[in-house]
Amino acid sequence: MAIDGSEVSLQQLISDLDRAIDEEQYELAASLRDEIQKKRQDNRIAVEEANDHFYDAFRNGDYAAMSQIWGSGDHVQCIHPAAECIAGRQDVMTSWKLILSSGRMNITLEDVRIYTTDTQGYVTLVEVVDAEDSQGRIIATNIFERQKGCWKIVHHHGGPVPSRRF
């Protein structure tokens, strides 16, 4: 937070850090480095929690909770495994209503990786799904955006886990 009480962006802190290093103001640079790490960690935790809410709704077949975690805007999209891209919040939510109508699913997450900025974050992971009629591993990417102060998912892409790594 700036002296005047306003929020300083991560990009501004990084710029200030570069300037402090160039000017050999090492105490200031250390303080800025710590603030950058704290801000990154805070955003990472918030995106991780939003991702957890997404999977809680998914596991529990809870359409109301799923609707709460999805963002708004024309850019909202979802690609379910072996399906085409669904664009627009209304159509995305219709797809989730159909998927969640089958009830609870056992979904565990592996290889979770999170990256964030001030306004966006993404999570890559592997979903291990054990539903009554299907089992499998799905590689997924979830993109989150800060909307009205809350982290909302704006894109989910799930597909088959590749047979090999590069």
N, C-alpha and C. Protein backbone atom coordinates (compact mmCIF):
# COMPACT_ATOMS: atom_id res chain seq x y z
N MET A 1 0.85 -1.17 0.00
CA MET A 1 0.00 0.00 0.00
C MET A 1 0.90 1.23 0.00
N ALA A 2 0.55 2.19 -0.78
CA ALA A 2 1.32 3.43 -0.88
C ALA A 2 1.11 4.29 0.36
N ILE A 3 1.94 5.28 0.51
CA ILE A 3 1.86 6.19 1.67
C ILE A 3 0.48 6.85 1.75
N ASP A 4 -0.11 7.15 0.61
CA ASP A 4 -1.42 7.82 0.61
C ASP A 4 -2.58 6.85 0.82
N GLY A 5 -2.28 5.55 1.06
CA GLY A 5 -3.33 4.57 1.33
C GLY A 5 -3.83 3.84 0.10
N SER A 6 -3.39 4.24 -1.10
CA SER A 6 -3.84 3.56 -2.31
C SER A 6 -3.04 2.28 -2.53
N GLU A 7 -3.60 1.36 -3.26
CA GLU A 7 -2.96 0.09 -3.54
C GLU A 7 -1.95 0.26 -4.67
N VAL A 8 -0.75 -0.26 -4.47
CA VAL A 8 0.31 -0.20 -5.48
C VAL A 8 0.31 -1.52 -6.23
N SER A 9 0.35 -1.46 -7.55
CA SER A 9 0.33 -2.68 -8.35
C SER A 9 1.65 -3.42 -8.26
N LEU A 10 1.59 -4.68 -8.55
CA LEU A 10 2.78 -5.51 -8.58
C LEU A 10 3.77 -4.97 -9.62
N GLN A 11 3.27 -4.55 -10.76
CA GLN A 11 4.13 -4.02 -11.82
C GLN A 11 4.85 -2.76 -11.34
N GLN A 12 4.17 -1.91 -10.59
CA GLN A 12 4.79 -0.69 -10.07
C GLN A 12 5.88 -1.04 -9.05
N LEU A 13 5.61 -2.01 -8.20
CA LEU A 13 6.61 -2.44 -7.23
C LEU A 13 7.86 -3.00 -7.92
N ILE A 14 7.67 -3.76 -8.97
CA ILE A 14 8.81 -4.31 -9.73
C ILE A 14 9.61 -3.18 -10.36
N SER A 15 8.91 -2.21 -10.92
CA SER A 15 9.59 -1.04 -11.51
C SER A 15 10.37 -0.27 -10.46
N ASP A 16 9.75 -0.08 -9.29
CA ASP A 16 10.43 0.62 -8.19
C ASP A 16 11.66 -0.18 -7.71
N LEU A 17 11.55 -1.51 -7.69
CA LEU A 17 12.67 -2.35 -7.29
C LEU A 17 13.84 -2.19 -8.27
N ASP A 18 13.54 -2.24 -9.56
CA ASP A 18 14.58 -2.07 -10.58
C ASP A 18 15.29 -0.72 -10.41
N ARG A 19 14.50 0.31 -10.16
CA ARG A 19 15.06 1.65 -9.98
C ARG A 19 15.93 1.72 -8.72
N ALA A 20 15.47 1.12 -7.63
CA ALA A 20 16.24 1.12 -6.38
C ALA A 20 17.57 0.39 -6.56
N ILE A 21 17.56 -0.71 -7.30
CA ILE A 21 18.80 -1.43 -7.56
C ILE A 21 19.74 -0.60 -8.42
N ASP A 22 19.19 0.01 -9.49
CA ASP A 22 20.01 0.86 -10.36
C ASP A 22 20.65 2.01 -9.58
N GLU A 23 19.91 2.53 -8.60
CA GLU A 23 20.40 3.66 -7.81
C GLU A 23 21.16 3.19 -6.56
N GLU A 24 21.39 1.88 -6.45
CA GLU A 24 22.12 1.27 -5.35
C GLU A 24 21.51 1.59 -3.98
N GLN A 25 20.19 1.66 -3.93
CA GLN A 25 19.45 1.84 -2.68
C GLN A 25 19.02 0.45 -2.19
N TYR A 26 19.97 -0.28 -1.60
CA TYR A 26 19.77 -1.69 -1.32
C TYR A 26 18.79 -1.96 -0.19
N GLU A 27 18.71 -1.09 0.79
CA GLU A 27 17.71 -1.28 1.85
C GLU A 27 16.30 -1.16 1.28
N LEU A 28 16.09 -0.13 0.46
CA LEU A 28 14.80 0.04 -0.21
C LEU A 28 14.52 -1.16 -1.12
N ALA A 29 15.52 -1.60 -1.85
CA ALA A 29 15.36 -2.74 -2.75
C ALA A 29 14.93 -3.99 -1.97
N ALA A 30 15.54 -4.23 -0.84
CA ALA A 30 15.18 -5.39 -0.02
C ALA A 30 13.74 -5.29 0.47
N SER A 31 13.34 -4.10 0.88
CA SER A 31 11.97 -3.88 1.34
C SER A 31 10.97 -4.11 0.20
N LEU A 32 11.29 -3.59 -0.98
CA LEU A 32 10.42 -3.77 -2.15
C LEU A 32 10.35 -5.24 -2.55
N ARG A 33 11.50 -5.94 -2.49
CA ARG A 33 11.52 -7.37 -2.81
C ARG A 33 10.57 -8.13 -1.89
N ASP A 34 10.61 -7.81 -0.60
CA ASP A 34 9.75 -8.48 0.37
C ASP A 34 8.27 -8.19 0.09
N GLU A 35 7.97 -6.94 -0.26
CA GLU A 35 6.58 -6.57 -0.57
C GLU A 35 6.09 -7.28 -1.83
N ILE A 36 6.96 -7.41 -2.83
CA ILE A 36 6.61 -8.13 -4.06
C ILE A 36 6.31 -9.59 -3.74
N GLN A 37 7.15 -10.23 -2.95
CA GLN A 37 6.93 -11.63 -2.58
C GLN A 37 5.63 -11.80 -1.81
N LYS A 38 5.34 -10.88 -0.91
CA LYS A 38 4.09 -10.96 -0.13
C LYS A 38 2.88 -10.81 -1.05
N LYS A 39 2.93 -9.85 -1.95
CA LYS A 39 1.81 -9.62 -2.86
C LYS A 39 1.60 -10.84 -3.77
N ARG A 40 2.68 -11.38 -4.28
CA ARG A 40 2.57 -12.58 -5.13
C ARG A 40 1.98 -13.75 -4.34
N GLN A 41 2.42 -13.92 -3.11
CA GLN A 41 1.92 -15.02 -2.29
C GLN A 41 0.44 -14.82 -1.96
N ASP A 42 0.03 -13.59 -1.63
CA ASP A 42 -1.38 -13.31 -1.34
C ASP A 42 -2.26 -13.64 -2.54
N ASN A 43 -1.86 -13.22 -3.74
CA ASN A 43 -2.63 -13.51 -4.94
C ASN A 43 -2.66 -15.01 -5.21
N ARG A 44 -1.52 -15.67 -4.99
CA ARG A 44 -1.44 -17.11 -5.24
C ARG A 44 -2.40 -17.85 -4.31
N ILE A 45 -2.42 -17.48 -3.04
CA ILE A 45 -3.33 -18.12 -2.09
C ILE A 45 -4.78 -17.89 -2.49
N ALA A 46 -5.11 -16.67 -2.89
CA ALA A 46 -6.50 -16.35 -3.28
C ALA A 46 -6.93 -17.15 -4.51
N VAL A 47 -6.04 -17.29 -5.49
CA VAL A 47 -6.37 -18.07 -6.69
C VAL A 47 -6.47 -19.55 -6.33
N GLU A 48 -5.60 -20.02 -5.46
CA GLU A 48 -5.68 -21.41 -5.01
C GLU A 48 -7.02 -21.68 -4.33
N GLU A 49 -7.48 -20.75 -3.49
CA GLU A 49 -8.77 -20.90 -2.83
C GLU A 49 -9.92 -20.89 -3.84
N ALA A 50 -9.85 -20.00 -4.83
CA ALA A 50 -10.90 -19.96 -5.86
C ALA A 50 -10.91 -21.27 -6.64
N ASN A 51 -9.74 -21.81 -6.94
CA ASN A 51 -9.65 -23.09 -7.64
C ASN A 51 -10.24 -24.21 -6.78
N ASP A 52 -9.97 -24.17 -5.47
CA ASP A 52 -10.55 -25.15 -4.55
C ASP A 52 -12.07 -25.07 -4.55
N HIS A 53 -12.63 -23.85 -4.57
CA HIS A 53 -14.09 -23.68 -4.61
C HIS A 53 -14.67 -24.26 -5.89
N PHE A 54 -13.97 -24.06 -7.01
CA PHE A 54 -14.40 -24.62 -8.29
C PHE A 54 -14.49 -26.15 -8.18
N TYR A 55 -13.45 -26.78 -7.66
CA TYR A 55 -13.45 -28.24 -7.57
C TYR A 55 -14.39 -28.75 -6.49
N ASP A 56 -14.63 -28.00 -5.43
CA ASP A 56 -15.63 -28.41 -4.44
C ASP A 56 -17.01 -28.46 -5.09
N ALA A 57 -17.34 -27.43 -5.87
CA ALA A 57 -18.63 -27.41 -6.58
C ALA A 57 -18.71 -28.57 -7.57
N PHE A 58 -17.63 -28.81 -8.29
CA PHE A 58 -17.56 -29.89 -9.27
C PHE A 58 -17.77 -31.24 -8.57
N ARG A 59 -17.03 -31.50 -7.50
CA ARG A 59 -17.13 -32.77 -6.77
C ARG A 59 -18.53 -33.00 -6.22
N ASN A 60 -19.14 -31.94 -5.71
CA ASN A 60 -20.43 -32.06 -5.03
C ASN A 60 -21.63 -31.94 -5.96
N GLY A 61 -21.39 -31.71 -7.25
CA GLY A 61 -22.51 -31.54 -8.17
C GLY A 61 -23.35 -30.32 -7.81
N ASP A 62 -22.71 -29.28 -7.30
CA ASP A 62 -23.40 -28.10 -6.76
C ASP A 62 -23.43 -26.98 -7.79
N TYR A 63 -24.53 -26.91 -8.53
CA TYR A 63 -24.65 -25.91 -9.59
C TYR A 63 -24.65 -24.48 -9.04
N ALA A 64 -25.30 -24.25 -7.91
CA ALA A 64 -25.34 -22.89 -7.34
C ALA A 64 -23.93 -22.42 -6.98
N ALA A 65 -23.15 -23.29 -6.38
CA ALA A 65 -21.77 -22.92 -6.03
C ALA A 65 -20.93 -22.72 -7.29
N MET A 66 -21.14 -23.58 -8.29
CA MET A 66 -20.40 -23.44 -9.55
C MET A 66 -20.74 -22.11 -10.21
N SER A 67 -21.99 -21.72 -10.16
CA SER A 67 -22.40 -20.45 -10.75
C SER A 67 -21.73 -19.27 -10.05
N GLN A 68 -21.52 -19.38 -8.74
CA GLN A 68 -20.88 -18.31 -7.98
C GLN A 68 -19.41 -18.11 -8.34
N ILE A 69 -18.71 -19.19 -8.67
CA ILE A 69 -17.27 -19.09 -8.92
C ILE A 69 -16.96 -18.62 -10.34
N TRP A 70 -17.90 -18.77 -11.27
CA TRP A 70 -17.64 -18.35 -12.65
C TRP A 70 -17.80 -16.84 -12.80
N GLY A 71 -16.93 -16.24 -13.57
CA GLY A 71 -16.97 -14.81 -13.82
C GLY A 71 -17.98 -14.45 -14.89
N SER A 72 -18.00 -13.18 -15.21
CA SER A 72 -18.90 -12.70 -16.26
C SER A 72 -18.07 -12.05 -17.36
N GLY A 73 -18.70 -11.91 -18.50
CA GLY A 73 -18.05 -11.27 -19.65
C GLY A 73 -18.12 -12.15 -20.88
N ASP A 74 -17.95 -11.50 -22.02
CA ASP A 74 -18.01 -12.21 -23.29
C ASP A 74 -16.85 -13.19 -23.46
N HIS A 75 -15.79 -13.00 -22.70
CA HIS A 75 -14.60 -13.84 -22.83
C HIS A 75 -14.66 -15.13 -22.01
N VAL A 76 -15.73 -15.36 -21.26
CA VAL A 76 -15.87 -16.57 -20.47
C VAL A 76 -16.01 -17.76 -21.42
N GLN A 77 -15.17 -18.78 -21.20
CA GLN A 77 -15.16 -19.94 -22.10
C GLN A 77 -14.88 -21.22 -21.32
N CYS A 78 -15.28 -22.33 -21.92
CA CYS A 78 -15.03 -23.63 -21.32
C CYS A 78 -14.85 -24.65 -22.44
N ILE A 79 -13.86 -25.52 -22.26
CA ILE A 79 -13.65 -26.62 -23.20
C ILE A 79 -13.60 -27.90 -22.36
N HIS A 80 -14.68 -28.66 -22.43
CA HIS A 80 -14.74 -29.93 -21.73
C HIS A 80 -13.99 -30.97 -22.57
N PRO A 81 -13.50 -32.04 -21.95
CA PRO A 81 -12.78 -33.06 -22.72
C PRO A 81 -13.59 -33.55 -23.92
N ALA A 82 -12.93 -33.63 -25.06
CA ALA A 82 -13.53 -34.12 -26.30
C ALA A 82 -14.71 -33.28 -26.78
N ALA A 83 -14.73 -32.02 -26.41
CA ALA A 83 -15.83 -31.13 -26.82
C ALA A 83 -15.26 -29.86 -27.44
N GLU A 84 -16.10 -29.14 -28.13
CA GLU A 84 -15.71 -27.86 -28.71
C GLU A 84 -15.75 -26.76 -27.65
N CYS A 85 -15.19 -25.63 -28.01
CA CYS A 85 -15.17 -24.48 -27.10
C CYS A 85 -16.59 -23.92 -26.94
N ILE A 86 -16.97 -23.73 -25.69
CA ILE A 86 -18.25 -23.12 -25.36
C ILE A 86 -17.94 -21.69 -24.92
N ALA A 87 -18.55 -20.72 -25.56
CA ALA A 87 -18.25 -19.32 -25.28
C ALA A 87 -19.47 -18.60 -24.72
N GLY A 88 -19.21 -17.72 -23.76
CA GLY A 88 -20.27 -16.93 -23.13
C GLY A 88 -20.75 -17.58 -21.85
N ARG A 89 -20.91 -16.77 -20.84
CA ARG A 89 -21.27 -17.30 -19.52
C ARG A 89 -22.53 -18.15 -19.54
N GLN A 90 -23.56 -17.71 -20.22
CA GLN A 90 -24.83 -18.45 -20.21
C GLN A 90 -24.65 -19.86 -20.76
N ASP A 91 -23.96 -20.00 -21.90
CA ASP A 91 -23.76 -21.31 -22.49
C ASP A 91 -22.81 -22.17 -21.63
N VAL A 92 -21.79 -21.53 -21.05
CA VAL A 92 -20.88 -22.26 -20.16
C VAL A 92 -21.65 -22.82 -18.98
N MET A 93 -22.50 -22.01 -18.37
CA MET A 93 -23.25 -22.47 -17.20
C MET A 93 -24.26 -23.56 -17.58
N THR A 94 -24.82 -23.47 -18.77
CA THR A 94 -25.72 -24.53 -19.24
C THR A 94 -24.97 -25.85 -19.32
N SER A 95 -23.72 -25.80 -19.81
CA SER A 95 -22.92 -27.03 -19.90
C SER A 95 -22.64 -27.59 -18.51
N TRP A 96 -22.35 -26.72 -17.55
CA TRP A 96 -22.09 -27.20 -16.19
C TRP A 96 -23.34 -27.77 -15.55
N LYS A 97 -24.49 -27.19 -15.85
CA LYS A 97 -25.75 -27.72 -15.30
C LYS A 97 -25.92 -29.17 -15.73
N LEU A 98 -25.63 -29.45 -17.00
CA LEU A 98 -25.75 -30.80 -17.52
C LEU A 98 -24.73 -31.74 -16.85
N ILE A 99 -23.49 -31.31 -16.77
CA ILE A 99 -22.44 -32.15 -16.16
C ILE A 99 -22.73 -32.41 -14.69
N LEU A 100 -23.11 -31.38 -13.96
CA LEU A 100 -23.32 -31.52 -12.52
C LEU A 100 -24.60 -32.27 -12.17
N SER A 101 -25.51 -32.41 -13.12
CA SER A 101 -26.77 -33.12 -12.85
C SER A 101 -26.54 -34.61 -12.56
N SER A 102 -25.37 -35.12 -12.91
CA SER A 102 -25.08 -36.53 -12.64
C SER A 102 -24.72 -36.77 -11.17
N GLY A 103 -24.59 -35.70 -10.40
CA GLY A 103 -24.34 -35.84 -8.96
C GLY A 103 -22.87 -35.74 -8.59
N ARG A 104 -22.56 -36.27 -7.42
CA ARG A 104 -21.22 -36.17 -6.85
C ARG A 104 -20.20 -36.98 -7.65
N MET A 105 -18.98 -36.46 -7.69
CA MET A 105 -17.87 -37.16 -8.35
C MET A 105 -16.67 -37.14 -7.42
N ASN A 106 -15.91 -38.20 -7.48
CA ASN A 106 -14.67 -38.24 -6.72
C ASN A 106 -13.57 -37.68 -7.64
N ILE A 107 -13.07 -36.50 -7.31
CA ILE A 107 -12.03 -35.87 -8.12
C ILE A 107 -10.88 -35.50 -7.19
N THR A 108 -9.71 -36.02 -7.49
CA THR A 108 -8.51 -35.61 -6.77
C THR A 108 -7.61 -34.87 -7.76
N LEU A 109 -6.78 -34.01 -7.22
CA LEU A 109 -5.93 -33.17 -8.05
C LEU A 109 -4.47 -33.55 -7.86
N GLU A 110 -3.74 -33.57 -8.97
CA GLU A 110 -2.30 -33.84 -8.94
C GLU A 110 -1.57 -32.77 -9.73
N ASP A 111 -0.30 -32.61 -9.43
CA ASP A 111 0.60 -31.72 -10.18
C ASP A 111 0.01 -30.32 -10.35
N VAL A 112 -0.49 -29.75 -9.25
CA VAL A 112 -1.12 -28.42 -9.27
C VAL A 112 -0.03 -27.35 -9.32
N ARG A 113 -0.15 -26.46 -10.30
CA ARG A 113 0.79 -25.35 -10.46
C ARG A 113 -0.01 -24.07 -10.62
N ILE A 114 0.42 -23.02 -9.90
CA ILE A 114 -0.34 -21.76 -9.88
C ILE A 114 0.58 -20.61 -10.22
N TYR A 115 0.08 -19.70 -11.06
CA TYR A 115 0.79 -18.47 -11.40
C TYR A 115 -0.20 -17.32 -11.32
N THR A 116 0.23 -16.18 -10.75
CA THR A 116 -0.68 -15.04 -10.64
C THR A 116 0.01 -13.72 -10.93
N THR A 117 -0.81 -12.74 -11.31
CA THR A 117 -0.42 -11.34 -11.37
C THR A 117 -1.43 -10.60 -10.49
N ASP A 118 -1.48 -9.28 -10.61
CA ASP A 118 -2.46 -8.52 -9.83
C ASP A 118 -3.89 -8.83 -10.23
N THR A 119 -4.13 -9.11 -11.50
CA THR A 119 -5.50 -9.21 -12.01
C THR A 119 -5.86 -10.56 -12.59
N GLN A 120 -4.87 -11.41 -12.85
CA GLN A 120 -5.14 -12.70 -13.47
C GLN A 120 -4.29 -13.79 -12.84
N GLY A 121 -4.75 -15.00 -12.97
CA GLY A 121 -3.99 -16.15 -12.51
C GLY A 121 -4.42 -17.37 -13.28
N TYR A 122 -3.54 -18.35 -13.34
CA TYR A 122 -3.94 -19.60 -13.94
C TYR A 122 -3.40 -20.76 -13.12
N VAL A 123 -4.14 -21.87 -13.24
CA VAL A 123 -3.79 -23.09 -12.54
C VAL A 123 -3.75 -24.20 -13.57
N THR A 124 -2.66 -24.96 -13.58
CA THR A 124 -2.60 -26.17 -14.39
C THR A 124 -2.53 -27.35 -13.45
N LEU A 125 -3.14 -28.44 -13.83
CA LEU A 125 -3.22 -29.60 -12.95
C LEU A 125 -3.70 -30.81 -13.71
N VAL A 126 -3.70 -31.94 -13.01
CA VAL A 126 -4.29 -33.16 -13.53
C VAL A 126 -5.45 -33.53 -12.61
N GLU A 127 -6.63 -33.72 -13.21
CA GLU A 127 -7.81 -34.18 -12.48
C GLU A 127 -7.85 -35.70 -12.58
N VAL A 128 -7.93 -36.37 -11.44
CA VAL A 128 -8.12 -37.81 -11.42
C VAL A 128 -9.58 -38.02 -11.05
N VAL A 129 -10.37 -38.45 -12.04
CA VAL A 129 -11.83 -38.52 -11.90
C VAL A 129 -12.26 -39.97 -11.74
N ASP A 130 -13.10 -40.21 -10.73
CA ASP A 130 -13.69 -41.52 -10.50
C ASP A 130 -15.18 -41.31 -10.30
N ALA A 131 -15.91 -41.31 -11.41
CA ALA A 131 -17.37 -41.16 -11.37
C ALA A 131 -17.97 -42.55 -11.55
N GLU A 132 -19.25 -42.68 -11.28
CA GLU A 132 -19.91 -43.99 -11.38
C GLU A 132 -19.73 -44.61 -12.77
N ASP A 133 -19.88 -43.80 -13.80
CA ASP A 133 -19.84 -44.34 -15.16
C ASP A 133 -18.52 -44.13 -15.89
N SER A 134 -17.57 -43.42 -15.28
CA SER A 134 -16.30 -43.19 -15.97
C SER A 134 -15.18 -42.93 -14.98
N GLN A 135 -13.99 -43.26 -15.43
CA GLN A 135 -12.79 -43.01 -14.64
C GLN A 135 -11.73 -42.52 -15.61
N GLY A 136 -10.84 -41.69 -15.11
CA GLY A 136 -9.77 -41.26 -15.99
C GLY A 136 -8.99 -40.10 -15.42
N ARG A 137 -8.01 -39.70 -16.21
CA ARG A 137 -7.14 -38.59 -15.86
C ARG A 137 -7.32 -37.52 -16.94
N ILE A 138 -7.52 -36.28 -16.48
CA ILE A 138 -7.76 -35.15 -17.37
C ILE A 138 -6.77 -34.06 -17.03
N ILE A 139 -6.06 -33.57 -18.02
CA ILE A 139 -5.18 -32.43 -17.79
C ILE A 139 -6.02 -31.17 -17.97
N ALA A 140 -5.87 -30.21 -17.07
CA ALA A 140 -6.75 -29.04 -17.10
C ALA A 140 -5.98 -27.76 -16.85
N THR A 141 -6.52 -26.70 -17.43
CA THR A 141 -6.06 -25.34 -17.18
C THR A 141 -7.27 -24.52 -16.76
N ASN A 142 -7.14 -23.81 -15.66
CA ASN A 142 -8.19 -22.91 -15.18
C ASN A 142 -7.61 -21.50 -15.13
N ILE A 143 -8.27 -20.58 -15.79
CA ILE A 143 -7.82 -19.19 -15.81
C ILE A 143 -8.78 -18.36 -14.97
N PHE A 144 -8.19 -17.59 -14.06
CA PHE A 144 -8.97 -16.76 -13.14
C PHE A 144 -8.69 -15.29 -13.42
N GLU A 145 -9.69 -14.48 -13.11
CA GLU A 145 -9.59 -13.03 -13.30
C GLU A 145 -10.18 -12.37 -12.06
N ARG A 146 -9.55 -11.30 -11.62
CA ARG A 146 -10.11 -10.57 -10.49
C ARG A 146 -11.24 -9.70 -11.02
N GLN A 147 -12.46 -9.98 -10.56
CA GLN A 147 -13.64 -9.21 -10.96
C GLN A 147 -14.31 -8.69 -9.70
N LYS A 148 -14.43 -7.37 -9.62
CA LYS A 148 -15.04 -6.72 -8.46
C LYS A 148 -14.43 -7.20 -7.15
N GLY A 149 -13.10 -7.34 -7.16
CA GLY A 149 -12.37 -7.71 -5.95
C GLY A 149 -12.35 -9.19 -5.62
N CYS A 150 -12.99 -10.03 -6.43
CA CYS A 150 -13.03 -11.47 -6.19
C CYS A 150 -12.41 -12.21 -7.37
N TRP A 151 -11.75 -13.33 -7.08
CA TRP A 151 -11.17 -14.15 -8.14
C TRP A 151 -12.25 -15.05 -8.71
N LYS A 152 -12.48 -14.93 -10.03
CA LYS A 152 -13.51 -15.70 -10.73
C LYS A 152 -12.85 -16.47 -11.86
N ILE A 153 -13.32 -17.69 -12.08
CA ILE A 153 -12.82 -18.46 -13.21
C ILE A 153 -13.48 -17.93 -14.49
N VAL A 154 -12.67 -17.73 -15.52
CA VAL A 154 -13.21 -17.24 -16.79
C VAL A 154 -12.91 -18.21 -17.93
N HIS A 155 -12.09 -19.22 -17.66
CA HIS A 155 -11.81 -20.21 -18.69
C HIS A 155 -11.38 -21.52 -18.03
N HIS A 156 -11.99 -22.62 -18.46
CA HIS A 156 -11.59 -23.96 -18.02
C HIS A 156 -11.40 -24.79 -19.28
N HIS A 157 -10.27 -25.49 -19.34
CA HIS A 157 -9.99 -26.36 -20.48
C HIS A 157 -9.52 -27.70 -19.94
N GLY A 158 -10.26 -28.74 -20.24
CA GLY A 158 -9.88 -30.08 -19.83
C GLY A 158 -9.74 -30.99 -21.03
N GLY A 159 -8.71 -31.82 -21.02
CA GLY A 159 -8.49 -32.75 -22.11
C GLY A 159 -7.74 -33.97 -21.63
N PRO A 160 -7.59 -34.95 -22.50
CA PRO A 160 -6.90 -36.18 -22.11
C PRO A 160 -5.44 -35.92 -21.76
N VAL A 161 -4.94 -36.65 -20.79
CA VAL A 161 -3.53 -36.55 -20.43
C VAL A 161 -2.72 -37.17 -21.56
N PRO A 162 -1.73 -36.46 -22.06
CA PRO A 162 -0.93 -37.02 -23.16
C PRO A 162 -0.19 -38.29 -22.72
N SER A 163 0.10 -39.13 -23.68
CA SER A 163 0.76 -40.39 -23.35
C SER A 163 2.23 -40.23 -23.07
N ARG A 164 2.81 -39.08 -23.44
CA ARG A 164 4.23 -38.85 -23.15
C ARG A 164 4.48 -37.39 -22.85
N ARG A 165 5.60 -37.14 -22.18
CA ARG A 165 6.02 -35.79 -21.86
C ARG A 165 7.18 -35.40 -22.78
N PHE A 166 7.30 -34.13 -23.05
CA PHE A 166 8.41 -33.66 -23.87
C PHE A 166 9.54 -33.22 -23.00
